[in-house]
């Protein structure tokens, strides 16, 4: 009987932990949304994953990576444009292929 009480106490502590951290409310909200969905998705698990992922706050590290990616894309585009201009300038100084054929 003592073993049963210890297990029951641990379960209750864990339930309180989930309740305090907002896990139970979030799960309840997502499950209610699934229940109220007029056309049930093929995969309930995918539905839960999608809605739980959207419900979590954005990780600051992810936002920093997005900003860095945007900066890198801008730099890439600038380098591609510069490369085109340099190739055009270089073509002015290189003898044309027609003159080499003679």
N, C-alpha and C. Protein backbone atom coordinates (compact mmCIF):
# COMPACT_ATOMS: atom_id res chain seq x y z
N UNK A 1 0.81 -1.19 0.00
CA UNK A 1 0.00 0.00 0.00
C UNK A 1 0.87 1.26 0.00
N UNK A 2 2.02 1.24 0.71
CA UNK A 2 2.91 2.39 0.77
C UNK A 2 3.47 2.70 -0.61
N UNK A 3 3.77 1.67 -1.39
CA UNK A 3 4.30 1.86 -2.74
C UNK A 3 3.26 2.57 -3.62
N UNK A 4 2.01 2.22 -3.47
CA UNK A 4 0.93 2.83 -4.26
C UNK A 4 0.82 4.32 -3.94
N UNK A 5 0.93 4.68 -2.66
CA UNK A 5 0.83 6.09 -2.26
C UNK A 5 1.99 6.90 -2.83
N UNK A 6 3.20 6.34 -2.83
CA UNK A 6 4.37 7.04 -3.35
C UNK A 6 4.19 7.30 -4.84
N UNK A 7 3.72 6.33 -5.58
CA UNK A 7 3.50 6.49 -7.01
C UNK A 7 2.40 7.51 -7.27
N UNK A 8 1.34 7.44 -6.49
CA UNK A 8 0.23 8.37 -6.63
C UNK A 8 0.69 9.79 -6.35
N UNK A 9 1.54 9.96 -5.35
CA UNK A 9 2.05 11.28 -5.00
C UNK A 9 2.92 11.84 -6.13
N UNK A 10 3.77 10.99 -6.72
CA UNK A 10 4.61 11.42 -7.83
C UNK A 10 3.76 11.84 -9.03
N UNK A 11 2.71 11.08 -9.30
CA UNK A 11 1.82 11.42 -10.41
C UNK A 11 1.13 12.76 -10.16
N UNK A 12 0.70 12.97 -8.96
CA UNK A 12 0.04 14.23 -8.61
C UNK A 12 1.01 15.41 -8.72
N UNK A 13 2.23 15.20 -8.28
CA UNK A 13 3.25 16.26 -8.40
C UNK A 13 3.50 16.58 -9.88
N UNK A 14 3.59 15.55 -10.68
CA UNK A 14 3.83 15.75 -12.11
C UNK A 14 2.65 16.48 -12.76
N UNK A 15 1.43 16.11 -12.38
CA UNK A 15 0.24 16.77 -12.92
C UNK A 15 0.24 18.26 -12.54
N UNK A 16 0.59 18.57 -11.31
CA UNK A 16 0.66 19.97 -10.87
C UNK A 16 1.73 20.73 -11.66
N UNK A 17 2.85 20.06 -11.88
CA UNK A 17 3.93 20.67 -12.67
C UNK A 17 3.44 21.01 -14.08
N UNK A 18 2.76 20.07 -14.73
CA UNK A 18 2.23 20.31 -16.07
C UNK A 18 1.19 21.43 -16.06
N UNK A 19 0.39 21.46 -15.01
CA UNK A 19 -0.64 22.49 -14.89
C UNK A 19 0.00 23.87 -14.71
N UNK A 20 0.97 23.99 -13.83
CA UNK A 20 1.63 25.27 -13.56
C UNK A 20 2.38 25.79 -14.78
N UNK A 21 2.97 24.90 -15.54
CA UNK A 21 3.76 25.31 -16.70
C UNK A 21 2.91 25.60 -17.94
N UNK A 22 1.61 25.37 -17.84
CA UNK A 22 0.72 25.69 -18.96
C UNK A 22 0.57 24.58 -19.99
N UNK A 23 1.18 23.46 -19.75
CA UNK A 23 1.13 22.36 -20.71
C UNK A 23 -0.30 21.83 -20.84
N UNK A 24 -0.97 21.65 -19.73
CA UNK A 24 -2.34 21.10 -19.78
C UNK A 24 -3.27 22.04 -20.54
N UNK A 25 -3.16 23.34 -20.30
CA UNK A 25 -4.02 24.29 -21.01
C UNK A 25 -3.75 24.27 -22.51
N UNK A 26 -2.48 24.23 -22.87
CA UNK A 26 -2.11 24.23 -24.29
C UNK A 26 -2.60 22.96 -24.97
N UNK A 27 -2.38 21.82 -24.34
CA UNK A 27 -2.84 20.55 -24.91
C UNK A 27 -4.37 20.54 -25.04
N UNK A 28 -5.04 21.03 -24.03
CA UNK A 28 -6.50 21.08 -24.07
C UNK A 28 -6.98 21.95 -25.22
N UNK A 29 -6.35 23.10 -25.39
CA UNK A 29 -6.73 24.01 -26.48
C UNK A 29 -6.55 23.36 -27.84
N UNK A 30 -5.42 22.70 -28.03
CA UNK A 30 -5.15 22.05 -29.33
C UNK A 30 -6.09 20.88 -29.56
N UNK A 31 -6.35 20.11 -28.52
CA UNK A 31 -7.27 18.97 -28.68
C UNK A 31 -8.70 19.44 -28.95
N UNK A 32 -9.11 20.52 -28.34
CA UNK A 32 -10.43 21.08 -28.62
C UNK A 32 -10.50 21.56 -30.07
N UNK A 33 -9.41 22.20 -30.54
CA UNK A 33 -9.37 22.65 -31.93
C UNK A 33 -9.49 21.47 -32.88
N UNK A 34 -8.83 20.38 -32.56
CA UNK A 34 -8.93 19.17 -33.39
C UNK A 34 -10.35 18.61 -33.35
N UNK A 35 -10.94 18.60 -32.18
CA UNK A 35 -12.31 18.10 -32.02
C UNK A 35 -13.29 18.93 -32.84
N UNK A 36 -13.09 20.26 -32.85
CA UNK A 36 -14.01 21.16 -33.54
C UNK A 36 -13.71 21.29 -35.03
N UNK A 37 -12.65 20.68 -35.48
CA UNK A 37 -12.29 20.72 -36.91
C UNK A 37 -13.38 20.01 -37.71
N UNK A 38 -14.03 20.71 -38.67
CA UNK A 38 -15.12 20.09 -39.42
C UNK A 38 -14.65 18.88 -40.23
N UNK A 39 -13.51 19.01 -40.90
CA UNK A 39 -12.96 17.88 -41.64
C UNK A 39 -11.70 17.43 -40.91
N UNK A 40 -11.79 16.27 -40.33
CA UNK A 40 -10.67 15.76 -39.54
C UNK A 40 -9.46 15.50 -40.45
N UNK A 41 -8.28 15.92 -40.03
CA UNK A 41 -7.08 15.68 -40.84
C UNK A 41 -6.76 14.19 -40.89
N UNK A 42 -6.00 13.81 -41.91
CA UNK A 42 -5.60 12.41 -42.04
C UNK A 42 -4.75 11.98 -40.86
N UNK A 43 -3.89 12.88 -40.40
CA UNK A 43 -2.99 12.55 -39.30
C UNK A 43 -3.25 13.51 -38.14
N UNK A 44 -3.84 12.97 -37.10
CA UNK A 44 -4.08 13.79 -35.91
C UNK A 44 -2.76 14.22 -35.28
N UNK A 45 -1.76 13.36 -35.36
CA UNK A 45 -0.46 13.69 -34.79
C UNK A 45 0.17 14.88 -35.50
N UNK A 46 0.09 14.90 -36.83
CA UNK A 46 0.62 16.04 -37.59
C UNK A 46 -0.14 17.32 -37.24
N UNK A 47 -1.44 17.21 -37.05
CA UNK A 47 -2.25 18.36 -36.64
C UNK A 47 -1.74 18.90 -35.31
N UNK A 48 -1.52 18.00 -34.35
CA UNK A 48 -1.02 18.41 -33.03
C UNK A 48 0.36 19.04 -33.13
N UNK A 49 1.24 18.42 -33.90
CA UNK A 49 2.59 18.96 -34.05
C UNK A 49 2.55 20.36 -34.65
N UNK A 50 1.74 20.54 -35.68
CA UNK A 50 1.64 21.84 -36.34
C UNK A 50 1.11 22.90 -35.38
N UNK A 51 0.05 22.59 -34.66
CA UNK A 51 -0.56 23.57 -33.78
C UNK A 51 0.26 23.80 -32.52
N UNK A 52 0.94 22.81 -32.04
CA UNK A 52 1.80 23.02 -30.88
C UNK A 52 3.04 23.81 -31.26
N UNK A 53 3.55 23.57 -32.45
CA UNK A 53 4.71 24.34 -32.92
C UNK A 53 4.37 25.80 -33.10
N UNK A 54 3.16 26.07 -33.58
CA UNK A 54 2.74 27.46 -33.79
C UNK A 54 2.41 28.14 -32.48
N UNK A 55 2.07 27.37 -31.46
CA UNK A 55 1.67 27.95 -30.19
C UNK A 55 2.86 28.34 -29.33
N UNK A 56 4.04 27.80 -29.64
CA UNK A 56 5.20 28.09 -28.81
C UNK A 56 5.82 29.41 -29.23
N UNK A 57 6.37 30.15 -28.29
CA UNK A 57 7.01 31.41 -28.64
C UNK A 57 8.25 31.16 -29.49
N UNK A 58 8.58 32.11 -30.32
CA UNK A 58 9.71 32.01 -31.22
C UNK A 58 11.02 32.01 -30.43
N UNK A 59 11.87 31.09 -30.76
CA UNK A 59 13.18 31.01 -30.12
C UNK A 59 14.02 32.19 -30.60
N UNK A 60 14.62 32.97 -29.69
CA UNK A 60 15.42 34.13 -30.12
C UNK A 60 16.57 33.74 -31.03
N UNK A 61 17.12 32.56 -30.84
CA UNK A 61 18.22 32.11 -31.69
C UNK A 61 17.75 31.92 -33.13
N UNK A 62 16.53 31.45 -33.30
CA UNK A 62 15.98 31.27 -34.64
C UNK A 62 15.83 32.62 -35.33
N UNK A 63 15.36 33.61 -34.59
CA UNK A 63 15.21 34.95 -35.17
C UNK A 63 16.56 35.52 -35.59
N UNK A 64 17.59 35.31 -34.78
CA UNK A 64 18.93 35.77 -35.14
C UNK A 64 19.43 35.07 -36.41
N UNK A 65 19.15 33.78 -36.52
CA UNK A 65 19.56 33.04 -37.72
C UNK A 65 18.81 33.55 -38.96
N UNK A 66 17.54 33.90 -38.79
CA UNK A 66 16.77 34.45 -39.92
C UNK A 66 17.36 35.77 -40.38
N UNK A 67 17.72 36.62 -39.42
CA UNK A 67 18.33 37.90 -39.77
C UNK A 67 19.66 37.70 -40.48
N UNK A 68 20.46 36.77 -39.96
CA UNK A 68 21.74 36.48 -40.58
C UNK A 68 21.55 35.94 -42.00
N UNK A 69 20.56 35.09 -42.19
CA UNK A 69 20.27 34.55 -43.52
C UNK A 69 19.89 35.68 -44.48
N UNK A 70 19.06 36.59 -44.03
CA UNK A 70 18.65 37.72 -44.88
C UNK A 70 19.86 38.57 -45.27
N UNK A 71 20.77 38.81 -44.30
CA UNK A 71 21.98 39.57 -44.61
C UNK A 71 22.85 38.84 -45.62
N UNK A 72 22.99 37.53 -45.45
CA UNK A 72 23.81 36.74 -46.37
C UNK A 72 23.21 36.74 -47.79
N UNK A 73 21.89 36.71 -47.87
CA UNK A 73 21.24 36.76 -49.19
C UNK A 73 21.52 38.09 -49.87
N UNK A 74 21.46 39.19 -49.09
CA UNK A 74 21.76 40.51 -49.66
C UNK A 74 23.20 40.57 -50.15
N UNK A 75 24.12 40.07 -49.34
CA UNK A 75 25.53 40.07 -49.73
C UNK A 75 25.74 39.23 -50.99
N UNK A 76 25.07 38.09 -51.05
CA UNK A 76 25.19 37.20 -52.21
C UNK A 76 24.73 37.93 -53.47
N UNK A 77 23.58 38.58 -53.38
CA UNK A 77 23.05 39.29 -54.55
C UNK A 77 24.01 40.40 -54.98
N UNK A 78 24.59 41.12 -54.02
CA UNK A 78 25.53 42.19 -54.34
C UNK A 78 26.77 41.61 -55.02
N UNK A 79 27.24 40.47 -54.54
CA UNK A 79 28.43 39.85 -55.14
C UNK A 79 28.13 39.34 -56.54
N UNK A 80 26.96 38.79 -56.75
CA UNK A 80 26.58 38.32 -58.09
C UNK A 80 26.53 39.51 -59.05
N UNK A 81 25.96 40.61 -58.61
CA UNK A 81 25.89 41.82 -59.45
C UNK A 81 27.30 42.35 -59.76
N UNK A 82 28.15 42.39 -58.75
CA UNK A 82 29.52 42.85 -58.95
C UNK A 82 30.26 41.94 -59.92
N UNK A 83 30.02 40.64 -59.81
CA UNK A 83 30.65 39.67 -60.69
C UNK A 83 30.24 39.93 -62.15
N UNK A 84 28.96 40.22 -62.36
CA UNK A 84 28.50 40.51 -63.73
C UNK A 84 29.21 41.74 -64.29
N UNK A 85 29.32 42.78 -63.46
CA UNK A 85 29.98 44.02 -63.92
C UNK A 85 31.45 43.77 -64.22
N UNK A 86 32.13 43.02 -63.37
CA UNK A 86 33.54 42.74 -63.60
C UNK A 86 33.76 41.89 -64.85
N UNK A 87 32.87 40.95 -65.10
CA UNK A 87 32.97 40.15 -66.33
C UNK A 87 32.78 41.03 -67.56
N UNK A 88 31.86 41.99 -67.48
CA UNK A 88 31.63 42.90 -68.60
C UNK A 88 32.87 43.76 -68.83
N UNK A 89 33.48 44.25 -67.76
CA UNK A 89 34.70 45.07 -67.89
C UNK A 89 35.84 44.24 -68.46
N UNK A 90 35.97 43.02 -68.00
CA UNK A 90 37.03 42.14 -68.46
C UNK A 90 36.87 41.84 -69.95
N UNK A 91 35.63 41.68 -70.38
CA UNK A 91 35.37 41.40 -71.80
C UNK A 91 35.85 42.54 -72.69
N UNK A 92 35.88 43.76 -72.17
CA UNK A 92 36.36 44.90 -72.96
C UNK A 92 37.85 44.77 -73.25
N UNK A 93 38.60 44.20 -72.34
CA UNK A 93 40.06 44.13 -72.47
C UNK A 93 40.55 42.83 -73.12
N UNK A 94 39.70 41.83 -73.17
CA UNK A 94 40.10 40.57 -73.78
C UNK A 94 39.85 40.65 -75.28
N UNK A 95 40.77 40.08 -76.05
CA UNK A 95 40.51 40.05 -77.50
C UNK A 95 39.31 39.15 -77.78
N UNK A 96 38.55 39.54 -78.76
CA UNK A 96 37.36 38.76 -79.07
C UNK A 96 37.76 37.42 -79.68
N UNK A 97 36.86 36.46 -79.63
CA UNK A 97 37.13 35.12 -80.16
C UNK A 97 37.28 35.15 -81.67
N UNK A 98 36.64 36.13 -82.34
CA UNK A 98 36.70 36.20 -83.80
C UNK A 98 38.11 36.51 -84.27
N UNK A 99 38.82 37.39 -83.53
CA UNK A 99 40.18 37.75 -83.91
C UNK A 99 41.15 36.57 -83.75
N UNK A 100 40.86 35.70 -82.77
CA UNK A 100 41.71 34.53 -82.58
C UNK A 100 41.52 33.53 -83.71
N UNK A 101 40.36 33.52 -84.32
CA UNK A 101 40.07 32.57 -85.39
C UNK A 101 40.85 32.91 -86.64
N UNK A 102 41.26 34.18 -86.81
CA UNK A 102 41.99 34.60 -88.02
C UNK A 102 43.36 34.13 -88.00
